[in-house]
Amino acid sequence: MTDISFRVHPSPIGDILIVAGSEGIVTLHPFDGPLDAELARIALQLHAVPVPDDDAGGDIDVQLDEYFDGERRDFDVELDWRLVAGFRRSALEAVRDIPYGETAGYGEVAISAGSPGAARAVGTACATTPFSIIVPVHRVVRSDGSLGEYGGHPEVKRYLLDLERAADE
């Protein structure tokens, strides 16, 4: 019996895959390919096959809806960091400190994470985060203020930043 379960939640940026275990959310991210392929990729990482469960991740679906409605600024969920270690984790934890509706450069996050010269490593941490949206990597921008790729979907990053700025007004 596996302790890993999943569900898919619709959102304005596409379907979001929520995978959770007994310690919290293992991964949460939008996906645009076949669900079976995404689950197979995650099963390889976890060495476990996630099983469908409408309650995977608790009330994260409600929190996501509130976020997309402009009513939520922070997520109140437990994260299971099993897919993240070392500096990647330090960088993602520093990203969590970027205020709602604001942005920070990769270099600024590197300083906050305790490694001032590691801006590229911050970029890698953001690009490979298992926690999209709930760890706001969309708030990390290039030093010149440009957005960057956001997993090949800069329009999603722009949408999330615009959503937060509009809710702040």
N, C-alpha and C. Protein backbone atom coordinates (compact mmCIF):
# COMPACT_ATOMS: atom_id res chain seq x y z
N MET A 1 0.85 -1.19 0.00
CA MET A 1 0.00 0.00 0.00
C MET A 1 0.88 1.24 0.00
N THR A 2 0.57 2.17 -0.87
CA THR A 2 1.35 3.39 -0.96
C THR A 2 0.70 4.50 -0.13
N ASP A 3 1.51 5.39 0.36
CA ASP A 3 0.95 6.52 1.08
C ASP A 3 0.91 7.75 0.18
N ILE A 4 1.11 7.54 -1.12
CA ILE A 4 1.13 8.64 -2.07
C ILE A 4 -0.16 8.63 -2.88
N SER A 5 -0.86 9.76 -2.86
CA SER A 5 -2.11 9.86 -3.61
C SER A 5 -2.08 11.12 -4.46
N PHE A 6 -3.02 11.21 -5.40
CA PHE A 6 -3.06 12.37 -6.27
C PHE A 6 -4.49 12.73 -6.64
N ARG A 7 -4.62 13.94 -7.11
CA ARG A 7 -5.84 14.40 -7.76
C ARG A 7 -5.46 15.54 -8.69
N VAL A 8 -6.36 15.84 -9.58
CA VAL A 8 -6.17 16.93 -10.54
C VAL A 8 -7.22 17.99 -10.24
N HIS A 9 -6.77 19.25 -10.19
CA HIS A 9 -7.67 20.36 -9.90
C HIS A 9 -7.60 21.37 -11.04
N PRO A 10 -8.75 21.75 -11.60
CA PRO A 10 -8.74 22.75 -12.68
C PRO A 10 -8.42 24.14 -12.14
N SER A 11 -7.78 24.94 -12.98
CA SER A 11 -7.47 26.32 -12.59
C SER A 11 -7.43 27.18 -13.84
N PRO A 12 -7.34 28.49 -13.67
CA PRO A 12 -7.26 29.39 -14.82
C PRO A 12 -5.97 29.20 -15.65
N ILE A 13 -4.96 28.55 -15.08
CA ILE A 13 -3.72 28.33 -15.83
C ILE A 13 -3.60 26.88 -16.31
N GLY A 14 -4.68 26.14 -16.20
CA GLY A 14 -4.69 24.74 -16.64
C GLY A 14 -4.84 23.80 -15.46
N ASP A 15 -4.90 22.52 -15.78
CA ASP A 15 -5.03 21.52 -14.72
C ASP A 15 -3.79 21.49 -13.84
N ILE A 16 -4.02 21.36 -12.55
CA ILE A 16 -2.94 21.29 -11.57
C ILE A 16 -2.94 19.90 -10.96
N LEU A 17 -1.79 19.26 -11.00
CA LEU A 17 -1.62 17.95 -10.40
C LEU A 17 -1.18 18.14 -8.95
N ILE A 18 -1.91 17.53 -8.04
CA ILE A 18 -1.61 17.57 -6.62
C ILE A 18 -1.25 16.16 -6.19
N VAL A 19 -0.03 15.98 -5.70
CA VAL A 19 0.42 14.68 -5.20
C VAL A 19 0.80 14.88 -3.75
N ALA A 20 0.25 14.03 -2.89
CA ALA A 20 0.48 14.20 -1.45
C ALA A 20 0.74 12.87 -0.78
N GLY A 21 1.45 12.93 0.32
CA GLY A 21 1.70 11.77 1.17
C GLY A 21 1.32 12.12 2.59
N SER A 22 1.66 11.26 3.51
CA SER A 22 1.29 11.48 4.90
C SER A 22 1.98 12.69 5.52
N GLU A 23 3.10 13.13 4.94
CA GLU A 23 3.85 14.28 5.47
C GLU A 23 3.41 15.60 4.85
N GLY A 24 2.57 15.56 3.82
CA GLY A 24 2.12 16.78 3.17
C GLY A 24 2.17 16.67 1.66
N ILE A 25 2.13 17.82 1.01
CA ILE A 25 2.16 17.86 -0.45
C ILE A 25 3.57 17.58 -0.94
N VAL A 26 3.67 16.60 -1.83
CA VAL A 26 4.95 16.20 -2.40
C VAL A 26 5.24 17.01 -3.66
N THR A 27 4.23 17.23 -4.46
CA THR A 27 4.37 18.07 -5.64
C THR A 27 3.00 18.64 -6.01
N LEU A 28 3.03 19.86 -6.49
CA LEU A 28 1.82 20.53 -6.96
C LEU A 28 2.27 21.42 -8.10
N HIS A 29 1.76 21.15 -9.30
CA HIS A 29 2.17 21.93 -10.45
C HIS A 29 1.18 21.79 -11.60
N PRO A 30 1.07 22.85 -12.42
CA PRO A 30 0.25 22.73 -13.62
C PRO A 30 0.94 21.78 -14.60
N PHE A 31 0.15 21.10 -15.39
CA PHE A 31 0.72 20.24 -16.42
C PHE A 31 -0.14 20.33 -17.66
N ASP A 32 0.46 20.10 -18.81
CA ASP A 32 -0.31 20.21 -20.04
C ASP A 32 -0.17 18.99 -20.94
N GLY A 33 0.50 17.97 -20.47
CA GLY A 33 0.61 16.74 -21.24
C GLY A 33 -0.36 15.70 -20.72
N PRO A 34 -0.22 14.48 -21.18
CA PRO A 34 -1.10 13.41 -20.69
C PRO A 34 -0.87 13.14 -19.20
N LEU A 35 -1.94 12.96 -18.46
CA LEU A 35 -1.84 12.69 -17.03
C LEU A 35 -1.03 11.43 -16.76
N ASP A 36 -1.24 10.38 -17.53
CA ASP A 36 -0.51 9.13 -17.32
C ASP A 36 1.00 9.33 -17.42
N ALA A 37 1.43 10.14 -18.37
CA ALA A 37 2.87 10.40 -18.53
C ALA A 37 3.41 11.17 -17.33
N GLU A 38 2.64 12.14 -16.86
CA GLU A 38 3.07 12.93 -15.70
C GLU A 38 3.14 12.06 -14.45
N LEU A 39 2.15 11.20 -14.26
CA LEU A 39 2.16 10.29 -13.10
C LEU A 39 3.32 9.31 -13.18
N ALA A 40 3.64 8.84 -14.37
CA ALA A 40 4.76 7.91 -14.54
C ALA A 40 6.08 8.60 -14.17
N ARG A 41 6.23 9.86 -14.59
CA ARG A 41 7.44 10.62 -14.25
C ARG A 41 7.58 10.77 -12.74
N ILE A 42 6.48 11.10 -12.09
CA ILE A 42 6.49 11.28 -10.64
C ILE A 42 6.72 9.95 -9.93
N ALA A 43 6.12 8.89 -10.43
CA ALA A 43 6.32 7.56 -9.83
C ALA A 43 7.79 7.17 -9.86
N LEU A 44 8.49 7.51 -10.93
CA LEU A 44 9.93 7.22 -11.00
C LEU A 44 10.70 7.99 -9.94
N GLN A 45 10.34 9.23 -9.75
CA GLN A 45 11.02 10.05 -8.74
C GLN A 45 10.75 9.53 -7.33
N LEU A 46 9.52 9.11 -7.09
CA LEU A 46 9.12 8.71 -5.74
C LEU A 46 9.31 7.24 -5.44
N HIS A 47 9.57 6.44 -6.49
CA HIS A 47 9.63 4.98 -6.33
C HIS A 47 8.33 4.45 -5.74
N ALA A 48 7.24 5.09 -6.13
CA ALA A 48 5.90 4.69 -5.69
C ALA A 48 4.90 5.23 -6.70
N VAL A 49 3.85 4.48 -6.92
CA VAL A 49 2.81 4.90 -7.85
C VAL A 49 1.71 5.63 -7.08
N PRO A 50 1.49 6.90 -7.40
CA PRO A 50 0.41 7.63 -6.73
C PRO A 50 -0.96 7.03 -7.11
N VAL A 51 -1.84 6.95 -6.13
CA VAL A 51 -3.18 6.42 -6.37
C VAL A 51 -4.18 7.57 -6.32
N PRO A 52 -5.26 7.49 -7.10
CA PRO A 52 -6.25 8.56 -7.09
C PRO A 52 -6.92 8.69 -5.73
N ASP A 53 -7.12 9.94 -5.29
CA ASP A 53 -7.79 10.20 -4.02
C ASP A 53 -8.32 11.63 -4.07
N ASP A 54 -9.63 11.78 -3.99
CA ASP A 54 -10.24 13.11 -4.06
C ASP A 54 -9.84 14.01 -2.90
N ASP A 55 -9.22 13.46 -1.86
CA ASP A 55 -8.81 14.25 -0.71
C ASP A 55 -7.30 14.50 -0.66
N ALA A 56 -6.56 14.09 -1.70
CA ALA A 56 -5.11 14.29 -1.71
C ALA A 56 -4.78 15.76 -1.49
N GLY A 57 -3.96 16.04 -0.50
CA GLY A 57 -3.55 17.42 -0.22
C GLY A 57 -4.53 18.20 0.62
N GLY A 58 -5.54 17.54 1.18
CA GLY A 58 -6.48 18.24 2.06
C GLY A 58 -7.27 19.31 1.34
N ASP A 59 -7.32 20.50 1.92
CA ASP A 59 -8.14 21.57 1.34
C ASP A 59 -7.36 22.46 0.37
N ILE A 60 -6.28 21.95 -0.18
CA ILE A 60 -5.47 22.78 -1.09
C ILE A 60 -6.29 23.24 -2.29
N ASP A 61 -7.28 22.45 -2.71
CA ASP A 61 -8.11 22.89 -3.84
C ASP A 61 -8.87 24.17 -3.48
N VAL A 62 -9.39 24.24 -2.27
CA VAL A 62 -10.09 25.45 -1.81
C VAL A 62 -9.10 26.62 -1.75
N GLN A 63 -7.92 26.37 -1.22
CA GLN A 63 -6.91 27.42 -1.12
C GLN A 63 -6.48 27.91 -2.50
N LEU A 64 -6.33 27.00 -3.45
CA LEU A 64 -5.97 27.40 -4.82
C LEU A 64 -7.07 28.26 -5.43
N ASP A 65 -8.32 27.85 -5.26
CA ASP A 65 -9.43 28.64 -5.79
C ASP A 65 -9.44 30.04 -5.17
N GLU A 66 -9.20 30.12 -3.86
CA GLU A 66 -9.15 31.42 -3.19
C GLU A 66 -8.00 32.27 -3.74
N TYR A 67 -6.87 31.64 -3.99
CA TYR A 67 -5.72 32.35 -4.56
C TYR A 67 -6.09 32.92 -5.93
N PHE A 68 -6.66 32.08 -6.79
CA PHE A 68 -7.00 32.53 -8.14
C PHE A 68 -8.14 33.55 -8.14
N ASP A 69 -8.93 33.59 -7.08
CA ASP A 69 -9.97 34.60 -6.94
C ASP A 69 -9.44 35.89 -6.31
N GLY A 70 -8.13 35.92 -5.99
CA GLY A 70 -7.52 37.10 -5.39
C GLY A 70 -7.80 37.25 -3.91
N GLU A 71 -8.30 36.19 -3.27
CA GLU A 71 -8.67 36.26 -1.85
C GLU A 71 -7.63 35.65 -0.92
N ARG A 72 -6.63 34.97 -1.44
CA ARG A 72 -5.62 34.31 -0.60
C ARG A 72 -4.24 34.77 -1.03
N ARG A 73 -3.40 35.09 -0.04
CA ARG A 73 -2.04 35.54 -0.32
C ARG A 73 -0.99 34.50 0.07
N ASP A 74 -1.31 33.65 1.02
CA ASP A 74 -0.39 32.62 1.50
C ASP A 74 -1.12 31.30 1.56
N PHE A 75 -0.37 30.23 1.41
CA PHE A 75 -0.95 28.90 1.50
C PHE A 75 -0.61 28.28 2.84
N ASP A 76 -1.60 27.63 3.42
CA ASP A 76 -1.45 27.00 4.72
C ASP A 76 -1.51 25.48 4.52
N VAL A 77 -0.39 24.93 4.07
CA VAL A 77 -0.30 23.49 3.81
C VAL A 77 1.07 22.99 4.26
N GLU A 78 1.10 21.72 4.61
CA GLU A 78 2.37 21.08 4.93
C GLU A 78 3.02 20.64 3.62
N LEU A 79 4.32 20.87 3.51
CA LEU A 79 5.06 20.43 2.33
C LEU A 79 5.95 19.26 2.70
N ASP A 80 5.96 18.26 1.86
CA ASP A 80 6.84 17.11 2.00
C ASP A 80 8.01 17.36 1.05
N TRP A 81 9.16 17.65 1.61
CA TRP A 81 10.33 18.09 0.84
C TRP A 81 11.16 16.94 0.29
N ARG A 82 10.65 15.74 0.24
CA ARG A 82 11.46 14.58 -0.15
C ARG A 82 12.11 14.69 -1.53
N LEU A 83 11.57 15.50 -2.42
CA LEU A 83 12.14 15.65 -3.76
C LEU A 83 13.12 16.82 -3.86
N VAL A 84 13.37 17.50 -2.74
CA VAL A 84 14.22 18.69 -2.75
C VAL A 84 15.22 18.59 -1.60
N ALA A 85 16.49 18.85 -1.91
CA ALA A 85 17.52 18.78 -0.87
C ALA A 85 18.57 19.87 -1.10
N GLY A 86 19.43 20.03 -0.13
CA GLY A 86 20.58 20.92 -0.26
C GLY A 86 20.21 22.36 -0.56
N PHE A 87 21.02 22.96 -1.43
CA PHE A 87 20.80 24.37 -1.76
C PHE A 87 19.46 24.59 -2.44
N ARG A 88 18.99 23.64 -3.22
CA ARG A 88 17.68 23.81 -3.87
C ARG A 88 16.61 24.09 -2.81
N ARG A 89 16.67 23.34 -1.73
CA ARG A 89 15.68 23.57 -0.66
C ARG A 89 15.88 24.94 -0.02
N SER A 90 17.12 25.31 0.27
CA SER A 90 17.38 26.63 0.86
C SER A 90 16.86 27.74 -0.05
N ALA A 91 17.08 27.58 -1.35
CA ALA A 91 16.62 28.60 -2.30
C ALA A 91 15.09 28.68 -2.31
N LEU A 92 14.43 27.53 -2.33
CA LEU A 92 12.96 27.54 -2.36
C LEU A 92 12.38 28.07 -1.06
N GLU A 93 13.03 27.80 0.04
CA GLU A 93 12.56 28.36 1.31
C GLU A 93 12.73 29.88 1.32
N ALA A 94 13.81 30.37 0.70
CA ALA A 94 13.99 31.82 0.59
C ALA A 94 12.94 32.44 -0.33
N VAL A 95 12.56 31.73 -1.37
CA VAL A 95 11.52 32.21 -2.28
C VAL A 95 10.21 32.41 -1.54
N ARG A 96 9.94 31.56 -0.57
CA ARG A 96 8.70 31.67 0.20
C ARG A 96 8.60 33.00 0.95
N ASP A 97 9.74 33.68 1.15
CA ASP A 97 9.75 34.96 1.87
C ASP A 97 9.47 36.16 0.97
N ILE A 98 9.37 35.95 -0.35
CA ILE A 98 9.07 37.08 -1.25
C ILE A 98 7.60 37.45 -1.04
N PRO A 99 7.33 38.69 -0.67
CA PRO A 99 5.95 39.09 -0.39
C PRO A 99 5.03 38.96 -1.60
N TYR A 100 3.79 38.67 -1.33
CA TYR A 100 2.74 38.59 -2.33
C TYR A 100 2.73 39.87 -3.16
N GLY A 101 2.65 39.73 -4.47
CA GLY A 101 2.57 40.88 -5.35
C GLY A 101 3.90 41.55 -5.65
N GLU A 102 4.99 41.03 -5.09
CA GLU A 102 6.31 41.60 -5.32
C GLU A 102 7.19 40.59 -6.04
N THR A 103 8.35 41.05 -6.50
CA THR A 103 9.30 40.15 -7.14
C THR A 103 10.68 40.36 -6.53
N ALA A 104 11.54 39.38 -6.76
CA ALA A 104 12.94 39.47 -6.34
C ALA A 104 13.79 38.83 -7.44
N GLY A 105 14.99 39.30 -7.58
CA GLY A 105 15.91 38.74 -8.57
C GLY A 105 16.53 37.45 -8.07
N TYR A 106 17.04 36.66 -9.01
CA TYR A 106 17.71 35.40 -8.66
C TYR A 106 18.87 35.66 -7.70
N GLY A 107 19.61 36.75 -7.93
CA GLY A 107 20.72 37.09 -7.05
C GLY A 107 20.27 37.44 -5.65
N GLU A 108 19.16 38.15 -5.55
CA GLU A 108 18.61 38.50 -4.23
C GLU A 108 18.21 37.24 -3.46
N VAL A 109 17.60 36.30 -4.17
CA VAL A 109 17.20 35.05 -3.52
C VAL A 109 18.44 34.27 -3.08
N ALA A 110 19.48 34.29 -3.91
CA ALA A 110 20.72 33.60 -3.56
C ALA A 110 21.30 34.16 -2.27
N ILE A 111 21.28 35.47 -2.13
CA ILE A 111 21.77 36.11 -0.89
C ILE A 111 20.91 35.67 0.29
N SER A 112 19.59 35.70 0.12
CA SER A 112 18.69 35.28 1.20
C SER A 112 18.90 33.83 1.59
N ALA A 113 19.29 33.00 0.60
CA ALA A 113 19.49 31.58 0.85
C ALA A 113 20.88 31.29 1.42
N GLY A 114 21.70 32.34 1.56
CA GLY A 114 23.01 32.18 2.17
C GLY A 114 24.15 31.89 1.23
N SER A 115 23.93 32.03 -0.08
CA SER A 115 24.99 31.79 -1.07
C SER A 115 24.94 32.90 -2.12
N PRO A 116 25.55 34.04 -1.82
CA PRO A 116 25.45 35.21 -2.69
C PRO A 116 25.84 34.98 -4.15
N GLY A 117 26.73 34.07 -4.43
CA GLY A 117 27.16 33.85 -5.82
C GLY A 117 26.36 32.79 -6.55
N ALA A 118 25.25 32.37 -6.00
CA ALA A 118 24.54 31.20 -6.55
C ALA A 118 23.25 31.56 -7.29
N ALA A 119 23.26 32.67 -8.02
CA ALA A 119 22.05 33.08 -8.75
C ALA A 119 21.62 32.01 -9.75
N ARG A 120 22.58 31.40 -10.46
CA ARG A 120 22.22 30.35 -11.43
C ARG A 120 21.61 29.14 -10.73
N ALA A 121 22.13 28.81 -9.57
CA ALA A 121 21.58 27.67 -8.81
C ALA A 121 20.16 27.98 -8.34
N VAL A 122 19.88 29.24 -8.04
CA VAL A 122 18.51 29.63 -7.69
C VAL A 122 17.61 29.41 -8.90
N GLY A 123 18.11 29.77 -10.08
CA GLY A 123 17.35 29.54 -11.30
C GLY A 123 17.02 28.07 -11.49
N THR A 124 18.00 27.21 -11.21
CA THR A 124 17.77 25.77 -11.31
C THR A 124 16.74 25.31 -10.29
N ALA A 125 16.84 25.82 -9.07
CA ALA A 125 15.87 25.45 -8.02
C ALA A 125 14.46 25.87 -8.43
N CYS A 126 14.33 27.06 -8.97
CA CYS A 126 13.01 27.54 -9.39
C CYS A 126 12.49 26.71 -10.57
N ALA A 127 13.36 26.40 -11.51
CA ALA A 127 12.94 25.64 -12.70
C ALA A 127 12.54 24.21 -12.36
N THR A 128 13.08 23.68 -11.29
CA THR A 128 12.83 22.28 -10.94
C THR A 128 11.98 22.11 -9.69
N THR A 129 11.39 23.18 -9.22
CA THR A 129 10.59 23.09 -8.00
C THR A 129 9.44 22.10 -8.16
N PRO A 130 9.19 21.29 -7.16
CA PRO A 130 8.00 20.46 -7.21
C PRO A 130 6.76 21.21 -6.72
N PHE A 131 6.96 22.43 -6.21
CA PHE A 131 5.86 23.18 -5.59
C PHE A 131 5.59 24.48 -6.36
N SER A 132 4.92 24.38 -7.48
CA SER A 132 4.57 25.58 -8.22
C SER A 132 3.42 26.28 -7.51
N ILE A 133 3.38 27.56 -7.60
CA ILE A 133 2.35 28.44 -7.04
C ILE A 133 2.44 28.52 -5.52
N ILE A 134 2.39 27.39 -4.80
CA ILE A 134 2.40 27.44 -3.33
C ILE A 134 3.77 27.83 -2.79
N VAL A 135 4.84 27.57 -3.55
CA VAL A 135 6.15 28.18 -3.32
C VAL A 135 6.30 29.10 -4.53
N PRO A 136 6.18 30.41 -4.33
CA PRO A 136 5.96 31.34 -5.45
C PRO A 136 7.18 31.64 -6.32
N VAL A 137 7.67 30.63 -7.01
CA VAL A 137 8.82 30.84 -7.89
C VAL A 137 8.49 31.80 -9.03
N HIS A 138 7.20 32.03 -9.28
CA HIS A 138 6.82 33.00 -10.30
C HIS A 138 7.23 34.42 -9.90
N ARG A 139 7.53 34.63 -8.63
CA ARG A 139 7.94 35.96 -8.16
C ARG A 139 9.43 36.22 -8.35
N VAL A 140 10.17 35.25 -8.85
CA VAL A 140 11.60 35.41 -9.07
C VAL A 140 11.83 35.81 -10.52
N VAL A 141 12.54 36.93 -10.70
CA VAL A 141 12.76 37.48 -12.04
C VAL A 141 14.26 37.68 -12.30
N ARG A 142 14.57 37.92 -13.54
CA ARG A 142 15.97 38.19 -13.91
C ARG A 142 16.40 39.54 -13.36
N SER A 143 17.70 39.74 -13.31
CA SER A 143 18.24 40.98 -12.72
C SER A 143 17.79 42.22 -13.49
N ASP A 144 17.49 42.08 -14.78
CA ASP A 144 17.03 43.23 -15.55
C ASP A 144 15.51 43.43 -15.44
N GLY A 145 14.85 42.60 -14.60
CA GLY A 145 13.42 42.72 -14.39
C GLY A 145 12.58 41.90 -15.34
N SER A 146 13.20 41.31 -16.37
CA SER A 146 12.42 40.48 -17.29
C SER A 146 12.02 39.18 -16.60
N LEU A 147 10.97 38.57 -17.11
CA LEU A 147 10.35 37.45 -16.41
C LEU A 147 11.14 36.16 -16.44
N GLY A 148 11.69 35.80 -17.56
CA GLY A 148 12.28 34.48 -17.69
C GLY A 148 11.25 33.50 -18.23
N GLU A 149 11.61 32.25 -18.28
CA GLU A 149 10.80 31.26 -18.99
C GLU A 149 9.66 30.64 -18.20
N TYR A 150 9.82 30.36 -16.94
CA TYR A 150 8.80 29.71 -16.11
C TYR A 150 8.36 28.39 -16.73
N GLY A 151 9.32 27.50 -16.87
CA GLY A 151 9.01 26.17 -17.41
C GLY A 151 8.53 26.20 -18.84
N GLY A 152 8.98 27.19 -19.60
CA GLY A 152 8.56 27.30 -20.98
C GLY A 152 7.21 27.98 -21.15
N HIS A 153 6.67 28.51 -20.06
CA HIS A 153 5.36 29.17 -20.11
C HIS A 153 5.41 30.55 -19.46
N PRO A 154 6.13 31.50 -20.07
CA PRO A 154 6.22 32.82 -19.46
C PRO A 154 4.86 33.50 -19.34
N GLU A 155 3.89 33.12 -20.18
CA GLU A 155 2.56 33.70 -20.08
C GLU A 155 1.87 33.32 -18.77
N VAL A 156 2.20 32.14 -18.23
CA VAL A 156 1.65 31.73 -16.94
C VAL A 156 2.27 32.57 -15.82
N LYS A 157 3.56 32.79 -15.92
CA LYS A 157 4.24 33.63 -14.93
C LYS A 157 3.64 35.03 -14.94
N ARG A 158 3.45 35.59 -16.14
CA ARG A 158 2.86 36.93 -16.26
C ARG A 158 1.45 36.93 -15.66
N TYR A 159 0.67 35.90 -15.93
CA TYR A 159 -0.70 35.80 -15.40
C TYR A 159 -0.68 35.84 -13.87
N LEU A 160 0.20 35.03 -13.26
CA LEU A 160 0.26 34.96 -11.80
C LEU A 160 0.69 36.28 -11.19
N LEU A 161 1.70 36.92 -11.79
CA LEU A 161 2.15 38.21 -11.27
C LEU A 161 1.07 39.28 -11.43
N ASP A 162 0.39 39.29 -12.58
CA ASP A 162 -0.69 40.25 -12.79
C ASP A 162 -1.84 40.01 -11.82
N LEU A 163 -2.15 38.74 -11.58
CA LEU A 163 -3.21 38.37 -10.63
C LEU A 163 -2.89 38.95 -9.25
N GLU A 164 -1.67 38.78 -8.80
CA GLU A 164 -1.28 39.27 -7.48
C GLU A 164 -1.28 40.77 -7.42
N ARG A 165 -0.79 41.41 -8.46
CA ARG A 165 -0.75 42.88 -8.46
C ARG A 165 -2.16 43.46 -8.48
N ALA A 166 -3.05 42.85 -9.24
CA ALA A 166 -4.45 43.33 -9.29
C ALA A 166 -5.14 43.16 -7.95
N ALA A 167 -4.87 42.05 -7.28
CA ALA A 167 -5.49 41.80 -5.97
C ALA A 167 -4.95 42.76 -4.91
N ASP A 168 -3.75 43.26 -5.14
CA ASP A 168 -3.12 44.19 -4.20
C ASP A 168 -3.66 45.61 -4.32
N GLU A 169 -4.33 45.90 -5.43
CA GLU A 169 -4.83 47.27 -5.67
C GLU A 169 -6.09 47.57 -4.91
